[in-house]
């Protein structure tokens, strides 16, 4: 079994591929080592903040987030908070 960090990174890559499948380009992910070393891990949803809320929700439904583990943030909450 992979360590939790590697499992989360694998899930982030899955989400990135899902977004690409749905026609959404995001910045390429960092290497596993870089991702693990970051204080705030790279987030494939970060590039979606400029999209309309309905588009973000649709993509988040199609490409579900990792969850409340801090690896991927809820961009709707950030947008609602004005961030």
N, C-alpha and C. Protein backbone atom coordinates (compact mmCIF):
# COMPACT_ATOMS: atom_id res chain seq x y z
N UNK A 1 0.85 -1.18 0.00
CA UNK A 1 0.00 0.00 0.00
C UNK A 1 0.89 1.25 0.00
N UNK A 2 0.49 2.24 -0.77
CA UNK A 2 1.24 3.48 -0.86
C UNK A 2 1.03 4.34 0.38
N UNK A 3 2.04 5.14 0.75
CA UNK A 3 1.85 6.11 1.84
C UNK A 3 0.75 7.11 1.47
N UNK A 4 0.13 7.72 2.48
CA UNK A 4 -1.00 8.62 2.25
C UNK A 4 -0.66 9.74 1.27
N UNK A 5 0.52 10.35 1.40
CA UNK A 5 0.90 11.43 0.50
C UNK A 5 0.91 11.00 -0.95
N UNK A 6 1.41 9.81 -1.20
CA UNK A 6 1.45 9.30 -2.58
C UNK A 6 0.05 8.96 -3.08
N UNK A 7 -0.80 8.46 -2.20
CA UNK A 7 -2.19 8.18 -2.59
C UNK A 7 -2.91 9.48 -2.94
N UNK A 8 -2.71 10.51 -2.14
CA UNK A 8 -3.34 11.81 -2.42
C UNK A 8 -2.83 12.38 -3.74
N UNK A 9 -1.54 12.27 -3.96
CA UNK A 9 -0.95 12.77 -5.21
C UNK A 9 -1.55 12.02 -6.40
N UNK A 10 -1.69 10.72 -6.26
CA UNK A 10 -2.29 9.91 -7.32
C UNK A 10 -3.72 10.39 -7.60
N UNK A 11 -4.45 10.71 -6.56
CA UNK A 11 -5.83 11.21 -6.73
C UNK A 11 -5.83 12.58 -7.41
N UNK A 12 -4.87 13.44 -7.06
CA UNK A 12 -4.75 14.75 -7.71
C UNK A 12 -4.49 14.56 -9.20
N UNK A 13 -3.66 13.59 -9.56
CA UNK A 13 -3.41 13.32 -10.97
C UNK A 13 -4.67 12.81 -11.66
N UNK A 14 -5.45 11.99 -10.96
CA UNK A 14 -6.72 11.51 -11.51
C UNK A 14 -7.67 12.68 -11.78
N UNK A 15 -7.75 13.61 -10.84
CA UNK A 15 -8.62 14.78 -11.01
C UNK A 15 -8.13 15.62 -12.19
N UNK A 16 -6.82 15.78 -12.31
CA UNK A 16 -6.25 16.55 -13.41
C UNK A 16 -6.62 15.91 -14.75
N UNK A 17 -6.51 14.60 -14.84
CA UNK A 17 -6.88 13.89 -16.06
C UNK A 17 -8.38 14.02 -16.34
N UNK A 18 -9.19 13.96 -15.31
CA UNK A 18 -10.63 14.10 -15.47
C UNK A 18 -10.97 15.49 -16.01
N UNK A 19 -10.35 16.52 -15.45
CA UNK A 19 -10.60 17.88 -15.93
C UNK A 19 -10.20 18.00 -17.39
N UNK A 20 -9.08 17.42 -17.76
CA UNK A 20 -8.63 17.45 -19.16
C UNK A 20 -9.63 16.72 -20.05
N UNK A 21 -10.14 15.59 -19.59
CA UNK A 21 -11.13 14.83 -20.35
C UNK A 21 -12.38 15.68 -20.64
N UNK A 22 -12.72 16.53 -19.69
CA UNK A 22 -13.89 17.40 -19.83
C UNK A 22 -13.54 18.73 -20.50
N UNK A 23 -12.36 18.80 -21.12
CA UNK A 23 -11.99 19.96 -21.91
C UNK A 23 -11.42 21.13 -21.14
N UNK A 24 -11.03 20.90 -19.91
CA UNK A 24 -10.48 21.97 -19.08
C UNK A 24 -8.98 21.78 -18.93
N UNK A 25 -8.24 22.75 -19.39
CA UNK A 25 -6.79 22.68 -19.24
C UNK A 25 -6.39 23.32 -17.92
N UNK A 26 -5.52 22.66 -17.20
CA UNK A 26 -4.97 23.21 -15.97
C UNK A 26 -3.45 23.15 -16.07
N UNK A 27 -2.81 23.91 -15.22
CA UNK A 27 -1.35 23.89 -15.21
C UNK A 27 -0.86 22.47 -14.93
N UNK A 28 0.26 22.09 -15.51
CA UNK A 28 0.77 20.74 -15.25
C UNK A 28 1.13 20.57 -13.78
N UNK A 29 0.86 19.40 -13.24
CA UNK A 29 1.18 19.16 -11.83
C UNK A 29 2.68 19.10 -11.60
N UNK A 30 3.11 19.44 -10.38
CA UNK A 30 4.52 19.30 -10.04
C UNK A 30 4.86 17.82 -9.87
N UNK A 31 6.12 17.55 -9.71
CA UNK A 31 6.55 16.17 -9.42
C UNK A 31 6.02 15.77 -8.04
N UNK A 32 5.99 14.48 -7.78
CA UNK A 32 5.56 13.99 -6.48
C UNK A 32 6.39 14.61 -5.37
N UNK A 33 7.70 14.66 -5.55
CA UNK A 33 8.58 15.19 -4.51
C UNK A 33 8.25 16.65 -4.21
N UNK A 34 8.06 17.45 -5.27
CA UNK A 34 7.72 18.86 -5.08
C UNK A 34 6.37 18.99 -4.40
N UNK A 35 5.40 18.20 -4.85
CA UNK A 35 4.06 18.26 -4.27
C UNK A 35 4.08 17.94 -2.78
N UNK A 36 4.85 16.92 -2.41
CA UNK A 36 4.95 16.53 -1.00
C UNK A 36 5.65 17.60 -0.16
N UNK A 37 6.57 18.35 -0.76
CA UNK A 37 7.34 19.36 -0.03
C UNK A 37 6.61 20.69 0.12
N UNK A 38 5.55 20.91 -0.63
CA UNK A 38 4.85 22.19 -0.60
C UNK A 38 4.02 22.32 0.68
N UNK A 39 3.99 23.54 1.25
CA UNK A 39 3.14 23.81 2.42
C UNK A 39 1.67 23.73 2.04
N UNK A 40 1.33 24.26 0.88
CA UNK A 40 -0.03 24.18 0.34
C UNK A 40 0.09 23.43 -0.97
N UNK A 41 -0.31 22.15 -0.97
CA UNK A 41 -0.14 21.34 -2.18
C UNK A 41 -0.81 21.95 -3.40
N UNK A 42 -0.22 21.71 -4.56
CA UNK A 42 -0.76 22.16 -5.84
C UNK A 42 -2.19 21.64 -5.99
N UNK A 43 -3.04 22.45 -6.55
CA UNK A 43 -4.46 22.15 -6.65
C UNK A 43 -4.94 22.33 -8.08
N UNK A 44 -5.37 21.26 -8.75
CA UNK A 44 -5.82 21.40 -10.14
C UNK A 44 -7.06 22.28 -10.28
N UNK A 45 -7.82 22.46 -9.20
CA UNK A 45 -9.01 23.31 -9.26
C UNK A 45 -8.66 24.80 -9.20
N UNK A 46 -7.46 25.16 -8.81
CA UNK A 46 -7.09 26.57 -8.66
C UNK A 46 -7.28 27.35 -9.96
N UNK A 47 -7.03 26.70 -11.08
CA UNK A 47 -7.19 27.37 -12.38
C UNK A 47 -8.66 27.62 -12.74
N UNK A 48 -9.57 27.05 -11.98
CA UNK A 48 -10.99 27.19 -12.30
C UNK A 48 -11.65 28.38 -11.64
N UNK A 49 -10.93 29.10 -10.80
CA UNK A 49 -11.53 30.23 -10.08
C UNK A 49 -12.10 31.29 -11.01
N UNK A 50 -11.56 31.39 -12.21
CA UNK A 50 -12.03 32.39 -13.16
C UNK A 50 -13.27 31.92 -13.94
N UNK A 51 -13.65 30.68 -13.76
CA UNK A 51 -14.81 30.13 -14.47
C UNK A 51 -16.10 30.53 -13.75
N UNK A 52 -17.22 30.57 -14.47
CA UNK A 52 -18.51 30.85 -13.82
C UNK A 52 -18.82 29.78 -12.77
N UNK A 53 -19.52 30.16 -11.69
CA UNK A 53 -19.82 29.19 -10.63
C UNK A 53 -20.51 27.93 -11.14
N UNK A 54 -21.42 28.06 -12.09
CA UNK A 54 -22.12 26.86 -12.58
C UNK A 54 -21.15 25.90 -13.27
N UNK A 55 -20.17 26.44 -13.99
CA UNK A 55 -19.17 25.60 -14.65
C UNK A 55 -18.29 24.91 -13.61
N UNK A 56 -17.89 25.65 -12.59
CA UNK A 56 -17.07 25.06 -11.52
C UNK A 56 -17.82 23.92 -10.84
N UNK A 57 -19.08 24.16 -10.51
CA UNK A 57 -19.87 23.11 -9.84
C UNK A 57 -20.00 21.87 -10.72
N UNK A 58 -20.24 22.09 -12.00
CA UNK A 58 -20.37 20.98 -12.94
C UNK A 58 -19.08 20.16 -12.99
N UNK A 59 -17.95 20.86 -13.10
CA UNK A 59 -16.67 20.16 -13.15
C UNK A 59 -16.37 19.44 -11.83
N UNK A 60 -16.73 20.06 -10.73
CA UNK A 60 -16.49 19.43 -9.43
C UNK A 60 -17.38 18.21 -9.25
N UNK A 61 -18.56 18.22 -9.85
CA UNK A 61 -19.41 17.02 -9.81
C UNK A 61 -18.82 15.92 -10.69
N UNK A 62 -18.33 16.30 -11.87
CA UNK A 62 -17.76 15.32 -12.79
C UNK A 62 -16.41 14.79 -12.32
N UNK A 63 -15.64 15.64 -11.66
CA UNK A 63 -14.29 15.30 -11.20
C UNK A 63 -14.21 15.59 -9.70
N UNK A 64 -14.78 14.73 -8.87
CA UNK A 64 -14.87 15.00 -7.44
C UNK A 64 -13.53 15.28 -6.77
N UNK A 65 -13.62 16.13 -5.78
CA UNK A 65 -12.44 16.49 -5.00
C UNK A 65 -12.01 15.32 -4.13
N UNK A 66 -10.83 15.46 -3.59
CA UNK A 66 -10.30 14.44 -2.70
C UNK A 66 -11.10 14.40 -1.41
N UNK A 67 -11.54 15.52 -0.90
CA UNK A 67 -12.30 15.59 0.34
C UNK A 67 -11.72 16.62 1.28
N UNK A 68 -12.03 16.49 2.52
CA UNK A 68 -11.60 17.47 3.52
C UNK A 68 -10.24 17.15 4.09
N UNK A 69 -9.31 16.84 3.26
CA UNK A 69 -7.98 16.49 3.75
C UNK A 69 -6.96 17.57 3.43
N UNK A 70 -7.41 18.66 2.83
CA UNK A 70 -6.52 19.78 2.57
C UNK A 70 -5.73 19.68 1.28
N UNK A 71 -5.84 18.58 0.56
CA UNK A 71 -5.07 18.46 -0.67
C UNK A 71 -5.69 19.26 -1.80
N UNK A 72 -7.01 19.33 -1.80
CA UNK A 72 -7.71 20.09 -2.82
C UNK A 72 -8.79 20.89 -2.10
N UNK A 73 -8.83 22.19 -2.33
CA UNK A 73 -9.76 23.04 -1.62
C UNK A 73 -11.08 23.16 -2.36
N UNK A 74 -12.10 23.54 -1.63
CA UNK A 74 -13.41 23.77 -2.22
C UNK A 74 -13.40 25.16 -2.83
N UNK A 75 -13.27 25.26 -4.14
CA UNK A 75 -13.13 26.56 -4.78
C UNK A 75 -14.39 27.38 -4.69
N UNK A 76 -15.54 26.75 -4.56
CA UNK A 76 -16.78 27.53 -4.38
C UNK A 76 -16.75 28.27 -3.06
N UNK A 77 -16.25 27.64 -2.01
CA UNK A 77 -16.14 28.31 -0.72
C UNK A 77 -15.17 29.48 -0.80
N UNK A 78 -14.07 29.30 -1.51
CA UNK A 78 -13.12 30.40 -1.69
C UNK A 78 -13.76 31.54 -2.45
N UNK A 79 -14.50 31.23 -3.50
CA UNK A 79 -15.15 32.27 -4.28
C UNK A 79 -16.19 32.99 -3.45
N UNK A 80 -16.96 32.23 -2.65
CA UNK A 80 -17.98 32.83 -1.79
C UNK A 80 -17.33 33.75 -0.74
N UNK A 81 -16.12 33.41 -0.32
CA UNK A 81 -15.40 34.22 0.67
C UNK A 81 -14.69 35.39 0.04
N UNK A 82 -14.77 35.51 -1.28
CA UNK A 82 -14.12 36.62 -1.98
C UNK A 82 -12.63 36.41 -2.20
N UNK A 83 -12.18 35.18 -2.11
CA UNK A 83 -10.75 34.89 -2.30
C UNK A 83 -10.48 34.44 -3.71
